[in-house]
Amino acid sequence: MDIAVIIWLVCGIAAAIIGSQKGEGCAAFFFAFLLGPLGLLLAIFSSGNRKPCPYFKEKIHRDAVVCPRCRQDLSTGKQ
């Protein structure tokens, strides 16, 4: 039983790390902690809410109008 708790906690932490890179850290941890390995797979295969900035190539929020890194206006160009 202790092994199962450790596996669920490790899945939650791993999903939080993967999810934070995709902008969904807390949600990924929550689902992986509840669903275990299945939640970890959800975190791995989710698309997240980030997209690359066309100027800076850094991942930013999908709905961003101005890149927080390079301050370029993203509302006029095609993405």
Protein backbone atom coordinates (compact mmCIF):
# COMPACT_ATOMS: atom_id res chain seq x y z
CA MET A 1 0.00 0.00 0.00
CA ASP A 2 2.85 2.37 0.73
CA ILE A 3 4.22 1.75 -2.76
CA ALA A 4 0.91 2.83 -4.32
CA VAL A 5 0.96 6.11 -2.41
CA ILE A 6 4.55 6.75 -3.48
CA ILE A 7 3.71 5.96 -7.13
CA TRP A 8 0.72 8.34 -7.05
CA LEU A 9 2.81 11.10 -5.47
CA VAL A 10 5.63 10.63 -8.01
CA CYS A 11 3.08 10.74 -10.85
CA GLY A 12 1.71 13.98 -9.42
CA ILE A 13 5.12 15.59 -9.14
CA ALA A 14 6.21 14.45 -12.62
CA ALA A 15 2.95 15.73 -14.12
CA ALA A 16 3.38 19.07 -12.33
CA ILE A 17 6.85 19.46 -13.84
CA ILE A 18 5.60 18.58 -17.33
CA GLY A 19 2.47 20.70 -16.91
CA SER A 20 4.38 23.75 -15.70
CA GLN A 21 6.33 23.75 -18.96
CA LYS A 22 3.00 23.77 -20.79
CA GLY A 23 1.37 26.35 -18.53
CA GLU A 24 -0.81 23.88 -16.65
CA GLY A 25 1.25 22.96 -13.58
CA CYS A 26 -1.44 22.91 -10.89
CA ALA A 27 -4.09 21.24 -13.05
CA ALA A 28 -1.62 18.58 -14.21
CA PHE A 29 -0.60 17.82 -10.62
CA PHE A 30 -4.22 17.61 -9.54
CA PHE A 31 -5.22 15.17 -12.30
CA ALA A 32 -2.09 13.04 -11.92
CA PHE A 33 -2.50 12.89 -8.15
CA LEU A 34 -6.11 11.74 -8.57
CA LEU A 35 -5.63 9.44 -11.55
CA GLY A 36 -2.03 8.31 -11.04
CA PRO A 37 -0.27 7.07 -14.18
CA LEU A 38 -3.30 7.91 -16.33
CA GLY A 39 -3.12 11.54 -15.17
CA LEU A 40 0.58 11.57 -15.99
CA LEU A 41 -0.21 10.44 -19.52
CA LEU A 42 -2.81 13.22 -19.78
CA ALA A 43 -0.15 15.75 -18.80
CA ILE A 44 2.31 14.35 -21.33
CA PHE A 45 -0.13 14.40 -24.26
CA SER A 46 -1.95 17.66 -23.47
CA SER A 47 -1.25 20.55 -25.80
CA GLY A 48 -1.14 23.14 -23.04
CA ASN A 49 -2.00 26.80 -23.35
CA ARG A 50 1.36 28.02 -24.68
CA LYS A 51 2.54 28.90 -28.18
CA PRO A 52 5.92 30.08 -29.45
CA CYS A 53 6.41 33.80 -29.96
CA PRO A 54 7.03 34.34 -33.71
CA TYR A 55 9.80 36.86 -32.92
CA PHE A 56 11.45 35.55 -29.75
CA LYS A 57 10.73 31.79 -30.15
CA GLU A 58 9.99 31.55 -26.41
CA LYS A 59 6.73 29.91 -25.34
CA ILE A 60 4.11 32.43 -24.22
CA HIS A 61 0.43 32.27 -23.28
CA ARG A 62 -1.77 31.36 -26.25
CA ASP A 63 -4.02 34.46 -25.85
CA ALA A 64 -1.16 36.95 -25.42
CA VAL A 65 -1.44 40.15 -27.48
CA VAL A 66 2.09 41.36 -26.62
CA CYS A 67 5.04 39.07 -25.96
CA PRO A 68 6.18 39.61 -22.35
CA ARG A 69 9.80 38.92 -23.31
CA CYS A 70 10.42 40.89 -26.50
CA ARG A 71 7.41 43.30 -26.25
CA GLN A 72 6.39 42.70 -29.88
CA ASP A 73 2.74 43.21 -30.81
CA LEU A 74 1.24 39.85 -31.76
CA SER A 75 -2.25 41.01 -32.68
CA THR A 76 -1.40 42.18 -36.21
CA GLY A 77 0.46 39.16 -37.60
CA LYS A 78 -0.69 35.69 -38.48
CA GLN A 79 0.10 32.93 -36.03
